[in-house]
Amino acid sequence: MKSRPLLHIQDLTVSFSSGSGDLTVVDHISFNLNESETLAVVGESGSGKTVSALAVLKLIPSPPGNISSGKILFTGRDGVARDLLQAEEPEMQKIRGRSVSMIFQEPMTSLNPVFTCGDQVMESLRIHLAYKKKQARKKVLDLFAEVMLPRPEEVFNAYPHELSGGQKQRVMIAMAISCNPEVLIADEPTTALDVTVQKTILDLMKNLQVSRKMSILFITHDLGIVAGFADRVLVMNKGKIVEEGSVGDIFHRPAHPYTRGLLACRPPLNVRLNRLPTIEKYMLDERIESEGVISPQQRKTDHERIYAREPILKVEKLSKQFGSYMALEKASFLVYPGETLGIVGESGSGKTTLARVVLELIPATGGRIIFRDQDITQLSSGKMKKLRKELQIIFQDPYSSLNPRLAIGPAILEPMKVHGLHGNESGRKERVMDLLQKVGLKEEHYYRYPHEFSGGQRQRICIARALAVEPQLIICDESVSALDVSIQAQVLNLLNDLKKDFGLTYIFISHDLSVVKFMSDRLIVMKNGKIEEMGEADEVYAHPRSEYTRMLLEAIPGGVQGAK
């Protein structure tokens, strides 16, 4: 028997007004969400997917937002279809959270920091279902157990900052399902999570959908994670639906070049490419030439060349303790000139602590860091300052890494001035212009400010700033994890191009295993502050020795051949 549509979106158009006129962000889209179905809406930032979901709950601020056409018909348990766009605010307040719930992308900003997690979930039950306090408390504890939160009593009394990212997301899920809604909208609910936590959250949502007979509208920029999760997929680009179909059709028979580009720009696990394909190429030409596979023999030749040289960095029994907590314990490894050493692990594994200790951004508790035959843990602050030009870092969030009041040209020029490079202001400015072009930006961008750029462009600015002092070693700390997969592919290709052009050495840190495999020659797997496994990247993926590494690999959406 064919399931009935719970939501019917018809000819929806949403625009936002600005100083330069109206911008249409959702352009005459129509689709259904059926009973007990998971529908994934996939697209890059700016595709209109989140705005479409917010329109369902009438959460688009007006002004500047304006829903200029369309109907959103919701058929509830009573079988009556209501156009939500025509509903008055008191009626919408009853629908939000009761009939249609939403999980937002960032749980920390969605939860109130001054109330305990239990009180926040109780509030929904008391407003929508008129629960008494004692009854609501028991229900919340049951919900916390249902979403598999450890120690529900402790979580009930905990504040959001006391929980991990995965635990906060579970609290948000518990809140969203508390009133047994018919429709659950999940907006990028796993984007900021480690691959293992992501898998757990997806499995949890799927189980809850079955047990509660919910329909899920799942929004994501990553096609890879919907393969084993969704029933149907909508692909959006520039406010329009460009393709719609079953998961099987979208993955195995994609019809639109944009969909094919989204699928192709994720780093593959079964082969090693010279470059990642980009969506732009697919949109310009449907007949894409092979990006070139690196053969095992070529890898062997490259590695013989790299590892025949003396290491540029030696890390010996490096430790870092915060109070009684050992964040990093006796880590030892070598980094060779011209290689990319990947470091992977879950949040809390110690990988970022390792990066900051190696750069002397925080002092080591024990151990040695030998860079070009100097133990940098023993250097004076003056000598370390001179050495800093050789060791640079690119952080995860480019926006918080840049001074919002400083134009990007002066921001790139500033470290050159500090280290006395390129003679004078004229020489330094000329070098900045050259670097802007090297990272794919334009000379006219010199006088623009960080807020005038996209996330991918801001990361290119941070890369240019790191290159400005002509370093030998750059640490990339989750430097692409906040980017859409298509922009991520462009930045990864850029990093590899710059590595060849400038003779760079990278330490590449990420929780995304497919990205680390694409970038790395060798790989370190970290767990609880210790090195769990180390080896040639392809070998670690094909034949993981550690059970923990195997678990990480099996959590990758779609699985991995070597982990089975």
Protein backbone atom coordinates (compact mmCIF):
# COMPACT_ATOMS: atom_id res chain seq x y z
CA MET A 1 0.00 0.00 0.00
CA LYS A 2 1.35 3.42 -0.97
CA SER A 3 2.13 5.67 2.02
CA ARG A 4 0.39 9.03 2.23
CA PRO A 5 2.30 12.32 2.05
CA LEU A 6 2.58 14.08 5.40
CA LEU A 7 4.19 17.15 3.90
CA HIS A 8 3.46 18.45 0.43
CA ILE A 9 5.63 21.42 -0.61
CA GLN A 10 4.25 23.05 -3.71
CA ASP A 11 5.94 25.80 -5.80
CA LEU A 12 7.84 27.24 -2.81
CA THR A 13 9.86 30.40 -3.47
CA VAL A 14 11.86 32.24 -0.79
CA SER A 15 13.89 35.39 -1.29
CA PHE A 16 15.96 37.70 0.94
CA SER A 17 16.20 41.43 0.45
CA SER A 18 19.54 43.24 0.58
CA GLY A 19 20.98 46.57 -0.43
CA SER A 20 21.60 45.29 -3.94
CA GLY A 21 18.06 43.91 -4.41
CA ASP A 22 16.20 40.67 -3.77
CA LEU A 23 18.09 37.36 -3.83
CA THR A 24 16.06 34.22 -4.58
CA VAL A 25 17.43 31.36 -2.46
CA VAL A 26 14.59 28.83 -3.01
CA ASP A 27 13.22 28.86 -6.52
CA HIS A 28 9.78 27.26 -7.16
CA ILE A 29 10.50 23.86 -5.60
CA SER A 30 7.94 21.09 -5.08
CA PHE A 31 8.26 17.72 -3.29
CA ASN A 32 6.51 15.34 -0.88
CA LEU A 33 7.61 13.76 2.39
CA ASN A 34 5.71 10.53 2.86
CA GLU A 35 4.63 8.66 5.97
CA SER A 36 7.48 6.73 7.72
CA GLU A 37 9.95 7.87 5.05
CA THR A 38 13.45 9.36 5.27
CA LEU A 39 13.98 11.97 2.59
CA ALA A 40 17.49 13.41 2.29
CA VAL A 41 17.92 16.92 0.88
CA VAL A 42 21.51 17.27 -0.33
CA GLY A 43 23.43 20.28 -1.62
CA GLU A 44 26.25 22.70 -0.93
CA SER A 45 26.04 25.76 1.32
CA GLY A 46 23.76 28.27 -0.36
CA SER A 47 21.76 25.63 -2.23
CA GLY A 48 18.58 26.52 -0.32
CA LYS A 49 18.13 23.28 1.60
CA THR A 50 18.10 24.74 5.14
CA VAL A 51 15.91 27.69 4.10
CA SER A 52 13.39 25.22 2.64
CA ALA A 53 13.25 23.37 5.96
CA LEU A 54 12.93 26.59 8.00
CA ALA A 55 10.04 27.63 5.74
CA VAL A 56 8.12 24.50 6.80
CA LEU A 57 8.08 25.77 10.39
CA LYS A 58 7.74 29.46 9.40
CA LEU A 59 11.09 30.25 11.05
CA ILE A 60 12.38 32.52 8.28
CA PRO A 61 12.80 36.04 9.68
CA SER A 62 10.72 38.61 7.84
CA PRO A 63 12.23 40.97 6.91
CA PRO A 64 14.66 40.30 5.25
CA GLY A 65 13.12 36.93 4.29
CA ASN A 66 10.04 36.71 2.11
CA ILE A 67 8.05 33.64 1.02
CA SER A 68 6.71 34.96 -2.26
CA SER A 69 4.89 31.87 -3.52
CA GLY A 70 3.91 28.35 -2.61
CA LYS A 71 1.98 26.10 -0.27
CA ILE A 72 3.23 23.81 2.52
CA LEU A 73 0.44 21.33 3.20
CA PHE A 74 0.80 19.30 6.40
CA THR A 75 -1.61 16.42 6.97
CA GLY A 76 -1.61 15.58 10.67
CA ARG A 77 -3.00 12.68 12.67
CA ASP A 78 -6.53 13.98 12.18
CA GLY A 79 -6.18 13.57 8.40
CA VAL A 80 -6.85 17.26 7.72
CA ALA A 81 -4.42 19.05 5.37
CA ARG A 82 -3.37 22.52 6.59
CA ASP A 83 -1.36 25.07 4.64
CA LEU A 84 1.29 26.02 7.20
CA LEU A 85 2.11 29.21 5.32
CA GLN A 86 -1.42 30.43 6.08
CA ALA A 87 -1.37 29.36 9.75
CA GLU A 88 -1.38 32.07 12.42
CA GLU A 89 1.47 32.15 14.96
CA PRO A 90 -0.51 30.59 17.88
CA GLU A 91 -1.32 27.59 15.69
CA MET A 92 2.32 27.30 14.53
CA GLN A 93 3.49 27.32 18.15
CA LYS A 94 1.33 24.25 18.76
CA ILE A 95 2.70 22.51 15.65
CA ARG A 96 6.40 23.26 16.30
CA GLY A 97 7.83 20.57 18.55
CA ARG A 98 4.49 18.76 18.84
CA SER A 99 3.75 17.65 15.26
CA VAL A 100 6.90 18.78 13.46
CA SER A 101 10.23 18.94 15.32
CA MET A 102 13.67 20.12 14.24
CA ILE A 103 17.24 19.20 15.19
CA PHE A 104 19.62 22.02 14.38
CA GLN A 105 23.21 21.73 13.14
CA GLU A 106 25.07 23.05 16.17
CA PRO A 107 23.65 21.71 19.46
CA MET A 108 25.78 24.02 21.63
CA THR A 109 24.10 27.12 20.17
CA SER A 110 20.66 25.46 20.22
CA LEU A 111 20.79 24.56 23.93
CA ASN A 112 20.48 27.28 26.57
CA PRO A 113 23.78 27.39 28.50
CA VAL A 114 22.18 28.59 31.76
CA PHE A 115 19.65 25.75 32.13
CA THR A 116 20.33 22.07 32.76
CA CYS A 117 19.70 19.64 29.91
CA GLY A 118 16.88 17.97 31.82
CA ASP A 119 15.03 21.23 32.45
CA GLN A 120 15.21 22.16 28.76
CA VAL A 121 13.64 18.89 27.60
CA MET A 122 11.05 19.06 30.39
CA GLU A 123 9.94 22.48 29.14
CA SER A 124 8.76 21.03 25.82
CA LEU A 125 6.72 18.34 27.57
CA ARG A 126 5.10 20.83 29.95
CA ILE A 127 4.21 23.29 27.17
CA HIS A 128 2.87 20.84 24.58
CA LEU A 129 1.54 17.94 26.68
CA ALA A 130 0.77 19.74 29.98
CA TYR A 131 2.90 17.30 31.99
CA LYS A 132 3.32 17.92 35.71
CA LYS A 133 6.92 18.41 36.87
CA LYS A 134 7.36 14.93 38.40
CA GLN A 135 5.75 13.25 35.38
CA ALA A 136 7.91 15.30 32.98
CA ARG A 137 11.10 14.41 34.87
CA LYS A 138 10.39 10.67 34.59
CA LYS A 139 9.59 11.04 30.90
CA VAL A 140 12.86 12.92 30.25
CA LEU A 141 14.89 10.21 32.00
CA ASP A 142 13.13 7.61 29.82
CA LEU A 143 13.92 9.67 26.72
CA PHE A 144 17.59 9.99 27.70
CA ALA A 145 17.74 6.22 28.08
CA GLU A 146 16.00 5.78 24.72
CA VAL A 147 18.61 7.92 22.94
CA MET A 148 21.31 5.90 24.74
CA LEU A 149 22.77 8.66 26.85
CA PRO A 150 25.03 7.22 29.57
CA ARG A 151 23.94 7.90 33.17
CA PRO A 152 20.63 9.71 32.39
CA GLU A 153 20.39 11.14 35.93
CA GLU A 154 23.79 12.86 35.57
CA VAL A 155 22.93 14.19 32.11
CA PHE A 156 19.60 15.49 33.41
CA ASN A 157 21.42 17.69 35.93
CA ALA A 158 24.31 18.60 33.61
CA TYR A 159 24.70 21.89 31.74
CA PRO A 160 25.39 21.76 27.97
CA HIS A 161 29.07 22.70 28.33
CA GLU A 162 29.62 19.62 30.52
CA LEU A 163 28.70 17.22 27.70
CA SER A 164 30.56 16.09 24.59
CA GLY A 165 29.34 17.05 21.10
CA GLY A 166 27.73 13.65 20.58
CA GLN A 167 25.98 13.78 23.95
CA LYS A 168 24.63 17.29 23.28
CA GLN A 169 23.25 16.07 19.96
CA ARG A 170 21.51 13.18 21.75
CA VAL A 171 19.91 15.67 24.15
CA MET A 172 18.64 17.62 21.12
CA ILE A 173 17.23 14.41 19.62
CA ALA A 174 15.52 13.57 22.92
CA MET A 175 13.96 17.05 22.94
CA ALA A 176 12.86 16.72 19.31
CA ILE A 177 11.11 13.35 19.84
CA SER A 178 9.73 14.16 23.30
CA CYS A 179 6.22 14.93 22.03
CA ASN A 180 6.21 12.05 19.53
CA PRO A 181 6.15 14.21 16.36
CA GLU A 182 5.09 12.88 13.00
CA VAL A 183 7.86 14.74 11.15
CA LEU A 184 11.45 15.21 12.31
CA ILE A 185 13.59 17.74 10.41
CA ALA A 186 17.31 17.11 10.96
CA ASP A 187 19.51 19.94 9.68
CA GLU A 188 23.13 18.74 9.29
CA PRO A 189 22.87 16.86 12.63
CA THR A 190 26.22 15.05 12.26
CA THR A 191 28.43 17.61 10.46
CA ALA A 192 30.67 18.50 13.41
CA LEU A 193 30.91 14.96 14.78
CA ASP A 194 33.61 12.30 14.56
CA VAL A 195 32.94 9.47 12.13
CA THR A 196 32.18 6.96 14.92
CA VAL A 197 29.81 9.36 16.73
CA GLN A 198 28.22 10.23 13.38
CA LYS A 199 27.48 6.55 12.72
CA THR A 200 26.00 6.14 16.19
CA ILE A 201 23.73 9.18 15.76
CA LEU A 202 22.55 8.02 12.31
CA ASP A 203 21.83 4.51 13.63
CA LEU A 204 19.95 6.02 16.57
CA MET A 205 17.79 8.22 14.33
CA LYS A 206 16.98 5.30 12.06
CA ASN A 207 15.96 3.10 15.01
CA LEU A 208 13.83 5.87 16.48
CA GLN A 209 12.14 6.41 13.14
CA VAL A 210 11.14 2.74 12.97
CA SER A 211 10.02 2.48 16.61
CA ARG A 212 8.08 5.77 16.54
CA LYS A 213 6.91 5.60 12.89
CA MET A 214 8.26 9.10 12.20
CA SER A 215 9.06 10.69 8.87
CA ILE A 216 12.51 12.33 8.64
CA LEU A 217 13.56 15.23 6.43
CA PHE A 218 17.36 14.93 6.57
CA ILE A 219 19.47 17.86 5.36
CA THR A 220 23.17 17.41 4.55
CA HIS A 221 25.94 18.62 2.25
CA ASP A 222 27.51 15.14 2.15
CA LEU A 223 25.91 12.60 -0.17
CA GLY A 224 28.14 9.88 1.31
CA ILE A 225 26.33 9.66 4.64
CA VAL A 226 22.84 9.13 3.21
CA ALA A 227 23.60 5.86 1.38
CA GLY A 228 22.50 3.55 4.18
CA PHE A 229 20.14 6.00 5.83
CA ALA A 230 17.67 7.60 3.41
CA ASP A 231 14.89 6.15 1.25
CA ARG A 232 14.86 8.97 -1.31
CA VAL A 233 17.20 11.85 -2.16
CA LEU A 234 16.57 15.39 -3.41
CA VAL A 235 19.61 17.19 -4.81
CA MET A 236 19.48 21.01 -4.66
CA ASN A 237 21.71 23.52 -6.42
CA LYS A 238 21.26 27.31 -6.41
CA GLY A 239 17.75 27.11 -4.99
CA LYS A 240 16.41 24.53 -7.44
CA ILE A 241 15.84 20.78 -7.24
CA VAL A 242 18.11 19.38 -9.96
CA GLU A 243 17.49 15.70 -9.31
CA GLU A 244 15.22 13.45 -7.29
CA GLY A 245 15.16 9.69 -6.93
CA SER A 246 15.76 6.60 -4.82
CA VAL A 247 19.11 6.20 -3.09
CA GLY A 248 20.02 3.46 -5.57
CA ASP A 249 19.27 5.65 -8.58
CA ILE A 250 21.12 8.68 -7.21
CA PHE A 251 24.25 6.72 -6.30
CA HIS A 252 24.43 4.31 -9.22
CA ARG A 253 22.65 6.19 -12.03
CA PRO A 254 22.99 9.94 -11.29
CA ALA A 255 21.45 11.90 -14.15
CA HIS A 256 22.54 15.48 -13.42
CA PRO A 257 26.20 16.60 -13.72
CA TYR A 258 25.94 18.41 -10.36
CA THR A 259 24.97 15.14 -8.63
CA ARG A 260 27.82 13.32 -10.35
CA GLY A 261 30.18 16.05 -9.18
CA LEU A 262 28.98 15.76 -5.56
CA LEU A 263 29.61 12.02 -5.66
CA ALA A 264 33.01 12.31 -7.34
CA CYS A 265 34.63 15.00 -5.20
CA ARG A 266 34.72 12.85 -2.05
CA PRO A 267 38.15 11.17 -1.76
CA PRO A 268 37.72 7.51 -2.78
CA LEU A 269 38.99 4.78 -0.47
CA ASN A 270 39.69 2.08 -3.05
CA VAL A 271 42.14 4.04 -5.24
CA ARG A 272 44.58 6.93 -4.80
CA LEU A 273 44.04 9.83 -7.20
CA ASN A 274 46.51 12.50 -8.29
CA ARG A 275 43.75 15.11 -7.92
CA LEU A 276 40.16 15.14 -6.74
CA PRO A 277 37.53 15.99 -9.37
CA THR A 278 35.59 19.21 -8.72
CA ILE A 279 31.95 20.03 -9.31
CA GLU A 280 32.88 22.92 -11.62
CA LYS A 281 34.36 20.46 -14.12
CA TYR A 282 31.23 18.33 -14.07
CA MET A 283 29.00 21.34 -14.59
CA LEU A 284 31.08 22.58 -17.54
CA ASP A 285 31.63 19.25 -19.26
CA GLU A 286 29.75 16.04 -18.62
CA ARG A 287 32.57 13.95 -20.16
CA ILE A 288 35.20 14.12 -17.43
CA GLU A 289 38.65 12.81 -18.17
CA SER A 290 40.24 10.58 -15.52
CA GLU A 291 42.05 12.55 -12.82
CA GLY A 292 44.76 9.89 -12.85
CA VAL A 293 45.31 7.04 -10.42
CA ILE A 294 48.63 6.78 -8.61
CA SER A 295 49.92 3.23 -9.03
CA PRO A 296 51.50 1.26 -6.15
CA GLN A 297 54.80 1.35 -8.05
CA GLN A 298 54.68 5.15 -8.28
CA ARG A 299 53.90 5.35 -4.57
CA LYS A 300 56.88 3.11 -3.83
CA THR A 301 59.17 5.28 -5.95
CA ASP A 302 57.92 8.47 -4.26
CA HIS A 303 58.43 6.98 -0.81
CA GLU A 304 61.95 5.78 -1.60
CA ARG A 305 62.80 9.36 -2.55
CA ILE A 306 61.16 10.86 0.57
CA TYR A 307 62.48 8.42 3.14
CA ALA A 308 66.04 8.36 1.83
CA ARG A 309 66.52 11.81 3.40
CA GLU A 310 67.13 12.78 7.01
CA PRO A 311 63.98 13.59 9.03
CA ILE A 312 63.09 17.27 9.32
CA LEU A 313 61.30 16.65 12.65
CA LYS A 314 61.90 14.10 15.42
CA VAL A 315 59.35 13.83 18.22
CA GLU A 316 60.58 11.78 21.17
CA LYS A 317 58.35 10.61 24.06
CA LEU A 318 56.33 13.82 23.94
CA SER A 319 53.79 14.28 26.77
CA LYS A 320 51.35 16.95 27.88
CA GLN A 321 49.44 16.93 31.16
CA PHE A 322 46.64 19.29 32.18
CA GLY A 323 46.26 18.92 35.95
CA SER A 324 45.62 15.22 36.53
CA TYR A 325 44.58 14.65 32.90
CA MET A 326 47.21 13.22 30.54
CA ALA A 327 46.21 14.63 27.15
CA LEU A 328 49.33 13.33 25.36
CA GLU A 329 51.45 10.43 26.53
CA LYS A 330 54.96 9.59 25.25
CA ALA A 331 54.29 10.15 21.54
CA SER A 332 57.28 9.42 19.28
CA PHE A 333 57.48 9.76 15.50
CA LEU A 334 59.54 11.17 12.60
CA VAL A 335 58.54 13.54 9.81
CA TYR A 336 60.54 13.53 6.57
CA PRO A 337 61.04 16.45 4.16
CA GLY A 338 58.42 16.43 1.42
CA GLU A 339 56.03 13.99 3.06
CA THR A 340 52.51 14.43 4.43
CA LEU A 341 52.12 12.70 7.77
CA GLY A 342 48.44 12.18 8.57
CA ILE A 343 47.13 12.13 12.14
CA VAL A 344 43.63 10.80 12.70
CA GLY A 345 41.51 10.11 15.76
CA GLU A 346 38.28 11.01 17.50
CA SER A 347 37.73 14.19 19.52
CA GLY A 348 39.77 13.94 22.69
CA SER A 349 42.35 11.61 21.12
CA GLY A 350 45.13 14.18 21.60
CA LYS A 351 45.82 15.04 17.96
CA THR A 352 45.29 18.82 18.31
CA THR A 353 47.20 18.87 21.61
CA LEU A 354 50.05 17.14 19.81
CA ALA A 355 50.05 19.80 17.07
CA ARG A 356 50.12 22.68 19.56
CA VAL A 357 52.88 21.13 21.65
CA VAL A 358 54.99 20.45 18.53
CA LEU A 359 54.67 24.14 17.62
CA GLU A 360 55.46 25.21 21.20
CA LEU A 361 52.10 27.00 21.37
CA ILE A 362 51.70 25.16 24.67
CA PRO A 363 54.68 23.79 26.62
CA ALA A 364 55.38 20.06 26.77
CA THR A 365 55.26 18.25 30.10
CA GLY A 366 57.99 15.88 28.94
CA GLY A 367 59.89 14.69 25.88
CA ARG A 368 61.85 16.35 23.08
CA ILE A 369 61.02 18.02 19.75
CA ILE A 370 64.00 18.05 17.40
CA PHE A 371 63.52 20.34 14.39
CA ARG A 372 66.51 20.47 12.02
CA ASP A 373 68.85 19.18 14.78
CA GLN A 374 67.60 21.71 17.38
CA ASP A 375 65.65 20.70 20.48
CA ILE A 376 63.06 23.46 20.33
CA THR A 377 61.79 22.67 23.84
CA GLN A 378 65.10 24.13 25.11
CA LEU A 379 65.13 27.31 23.01
CA SER A 380 64.76 30.78 24.51
CA SER A 381 61.67 32.81 23.54
CA GLY A 382 63.81 35.01 21.27
CA LYS A 383 65.29 32.07 19.37
CA MET A 384 61.87 30.38 19.18
CA LYS A 385 60.39 33.55 17.68
CA LYS A 386 62.96 33.44 14.87
CA LEU A 387 62.23 29.76 14.27
CA ARG A 388 58.45 30.29 14.07
CA LYS A 389 58.68 31.31 10.42
CA GLU A 390 59.74 27.72 9.65
CA LEU A 391 56.77 26.16 11.47
CA GLN A 392 53.25 27.29 10.58
CA ILE A 393 49.69 26.12 11.27
CA ILE A 394 46.39 26.37 9.40
CA PHE A 395 43.45 26.16 11.82
CA GLN A 396 39.99 24.62 11.40
CA ASP A 397 37.94 27.82 11.46
CA PRO A 398 39.41 30.42 9.10
CA TYR A 399 37.00 33.16 10.19
CA SER A 400 38.13 33.10 13.83
CA SER A 401 41.76 32.90 12.64
CA LEU A 402 41.51 36.25 10.85
CA ASN A 403 41.17 39.72 12.39
CA PRO A 404 37.74 40.98 11.22
CA ARG A 405 38.99 44.59 11.31
CA LEU A 406 42.06 43.92 9.14
CA ALA A 407 41.87 43.66 5.34
CA ILE A 408 43.28 40.38 4.07
CA GLY A 409 46.25 41.94 2.25
CA PRO A 410 47.71 43.51 5.41
CA ALA A 411 46.82 40.31 7.33
CA ILE A 412 49.02 38.25 4.97
CA LEU A 413 51.72 40.94 4.91
CA GLU A 414 51.96 41.30 8.71
CA PRO A 415 53.99 38.11 9.45
CA MET A 416 56.45 39.04 6.67
CA LYS A 417 57.01 42.37 8.42
CA VAL A 418 57.51 40.67 11.80
CA HIS A 419 60.23 38.44 10.36
CA GLY A 420 61.78 41.15 8.17
CA LEU A 421 61.14 39.39 4.86
CA HIS A 422 61.16 40.81 1.31
CA GLY A 423 62.99 44.04 2.06
CA ASN A 424 60.34 46.77 2.32
CA GLU A 425 56.59 47.41 2.17
CA SER A 426 56.60 47.50 -1.63
CA GLY A 427 58.39 44.16 -1.85
CA ARG A 428 56.12 42.60 0.73
CA LYS A 429 52.96 43.83 -1.00
CA GLU A 430 54.20 42.42 -4.30
CA ARG A 431 54.74 39.08 -2.57
CA VAL A 432 51.20 39.15 -1.13
CA MET A 433 49.77 39.75 -4.61
CA ASP A 434 51.72 36.74 -5.88
CA LEU A 435 50.49 34.56 -3.01
CA LEU A 436 46.86 35.59 -3.59
CA GLN A 437 47.15 34.36 -7.16
CA LYS A 438 48.90 31.16 -6.01
CA VAL A 439 45.95 30.24 -3.78
CA GLY A 440 43.34 31.06 -6.42
CA LEU A 441 42.33 34.56 -5.32
CA LYS A 442 42.65 37.89 -7.16
CA GLU A 443 44.79 40.97 -6.61
CA GLU A 444 41.69 43.13 -6.04
CA HIS A 445 40.91 41.00 -2.97
CA TYR A 446 43.87 42.66 -1.18
CA TYR A 447 41.72 45.43 0.36
CA ARG A 448 38.66 43.33 1.23
CA TYR A 449 37.77 42.14 4.73
CA PRO A 450 37.24 38.53 5.94
CA HIS A 451 33.41 38.84 6.08
CA GLU A 452 33.36 39.54 2.33
CA PHE A 453 34.60 36.04 1.49
CA SER A 454 33.11 32.54 1.51
CA GLY A 455 34.40 29.86 3.90
CA GLY A 456 36.53 28.26 1.19
CA GLN A 457 38.01 31.62 0.19
CA ARG A 458 38.82 32.44 3.82
CA GLN A 459 40.68 29.15 4.15
CA ARG A 460 42.69 30.06 1.04
CA ILE A 461 43.57 33.37 2.74
CA CYS A 462 44.83 31.49 5.81
CA ILE A 463 46.90 29.22 3.55
CA ALA A 464 48.43 32.29 1.86
CA ARG A 465 49.23 33.77 5.28
CA ALA A 466 50.96 30.54 6.35
CA LEU A 467 53.02 30.55 3.12
CA ALA A 468 53.97 34.22 3.54
CA VAL A 469 56.92 33.47 5.85
CA GLU A 470 58.25 30.67 3.62
CA PRO A 471 57.90 27.82 6.14
CA GLN A 472 59.34 24.33 5.82
CA LEU A 473 56.65 22.54 7.83
CA ILE A 474 52.91 23.36 7.96
CA ILE A 475 50.45 21.69 10.32
CA CYS A 476 46.93 21.56 8.89
CA ASP A 477 44.64 21.11 11.91
CA GLU A 478 41.17 20.06 10.68
CA SER A 479 41.67 22.70 7.98
CA VAL A 480 38.95 21.39 5.62
CA SER A 481 36.44 19.80 8.03
CA ALA A 482 34.12 22.84 8.05
CA LEU A 483 33.91 23.02 4.23
CA ASP A 484 31.42 21.57 1.76
CA VAL A 485 32.78 18.46 0.04
CA SER A 486 33.15 20.31 -3.26
CA ILE A 487 35.08 23.24 -1.72
CA GLN A 488 37.02 20.70 0.35
CA ALA A 489 38.17 19.00 -2.87
CA GLN A 490 39.42 22.33 -4.25
CA VAL A 491 41.37 23.14 -1.06
CA LEU A 492 42.90 19.65 -0.85
CA ASN A 493 44.05 19.91 -4.47
CA LEU A 494 45.45 23.36 -3.71
CA LEU A 495 47.41 22.07 -0.69
CA ASN A 496 48.95 19.31 -2.79
CA ASP A 497 49.83 21.75 -5.59
CA LEU A 498 51.49 24.13 -3.12
CA LYS A 499 53.38 21.25 -1.54
CA LYS A 500 55.05 20.58 -4.90
CA ASP A 501 55.55 24.24 -5.82
CA PHE A 502 57.06 25.30 -2.47
CA GLY A 503 58.70 22.04 -1.38
CA LEU A 504 56.52 21.86 1.75
CA THR A 505 56.16 19.20 4.42
CA TYR A 506 52.74 18.71 6.06
CA ILE A 507 51.34 17.23 9.23
CA PHE A 508 47.69 16.79 8.27
CA ILE A 509 45.22 16.34 11.14
CA SER A 510 41.59 15.32 10.63
CA HIS A 511 38.82 13.10 11.96
CA ASP A 512 37.78 12.37 8.33
CA LEU A 513 39.60 9.18 7.39
CA SER A 514 38.94 9.35 3.65
CA VAL A 515 40.47 12.86 3.51
CA VAL A 516 43.51 11.78 5.54
CA LYS A 517 44.07 8.79 3.26
CA PHE A 518 43.96 10.97 0.14
CA MET A 519 46.48 13.43 1.57
CA SER A 520 48.92 11.26 3.53
CA ASP A 521 52.02 9.22 2.82
CA ARG A 522 52.11 7.78 6.33
CA LEU A 523 49.41 7.73 8.98
CA ILE A 524 49.25 7.93 12.77
CA VAL A 525 46.08 6.76 14.56
CA MET A 526 45.61 8.31 18.02
CA LYS A 527 43.41 7.24 20.92
CA ASN A 528 43.25 8.67 24.45
CA GLY A 529 46.46 10.66 24.03
CA LYS A 530 48.51 7.72 22.77
CA ILE A 531 49.65 6.57 19.32
CA GLU A 532 47.53 3.50 18.64
CA GLU A 533 48.93 2.61 15.21
CA MET A 534 51.39 4.02 12.69
CA GLY A 535 52.32 3.00 9.15
CA GLU A 536 52.10 3.65 5.42
CA ALA A 537 48.63 5.13 4.80
CA ASP A 538 47.41 2.62 2.20
CA GLU A 539 48.64 -0.28 4.34
CA VAL A 540 46.87 0.98 7.47
CA TYR A 541 43.61 1.25 5.51
CA ALA A 542 43.95 -2.12 3.81
CA HIS A 543 45.26 -4.07 6.83
CA PRO A 544 44.56 -2.27 10.11
CA ARG A 545 46.39 -3.94 13.01
CA SER A 546 44.50 -2.21 15.83
CA GLU A 547 40.90 -3.00 16.71
CA TYR A 548 40.36 0.72 17.28
CA THR A 549 41.59 1.54 13.75
CA ARG A 550 39.29 -1.14 12.38
CA MET A 551 36.36 0.43 14.24
CA LEU A 552 37.16 3.86 12.77
CA LEU A 553 37.31 2.41 9.27
CA GLU A 554 34.06 0.50 9.64
CA ALA A 555 32.32 3.71 10.73
CA ILE A 556 33.08 5.43 7.40
CA PRO A 557 29.79 5.81 5.46
CA GLY A 558 29.67 3.04 2.87
CA GLY A 559 32.30 0.95 4.66
CA VAL A 560 35.86 0.25 3.60
CA GLN A 561 37.24 -2.82 1.93
CA GLY A 562 40.13 -3.32 4.26
CA ALA A 563 38.03 -3.12 7.38
CA LYS A 564 35.73 -6.04 6.63
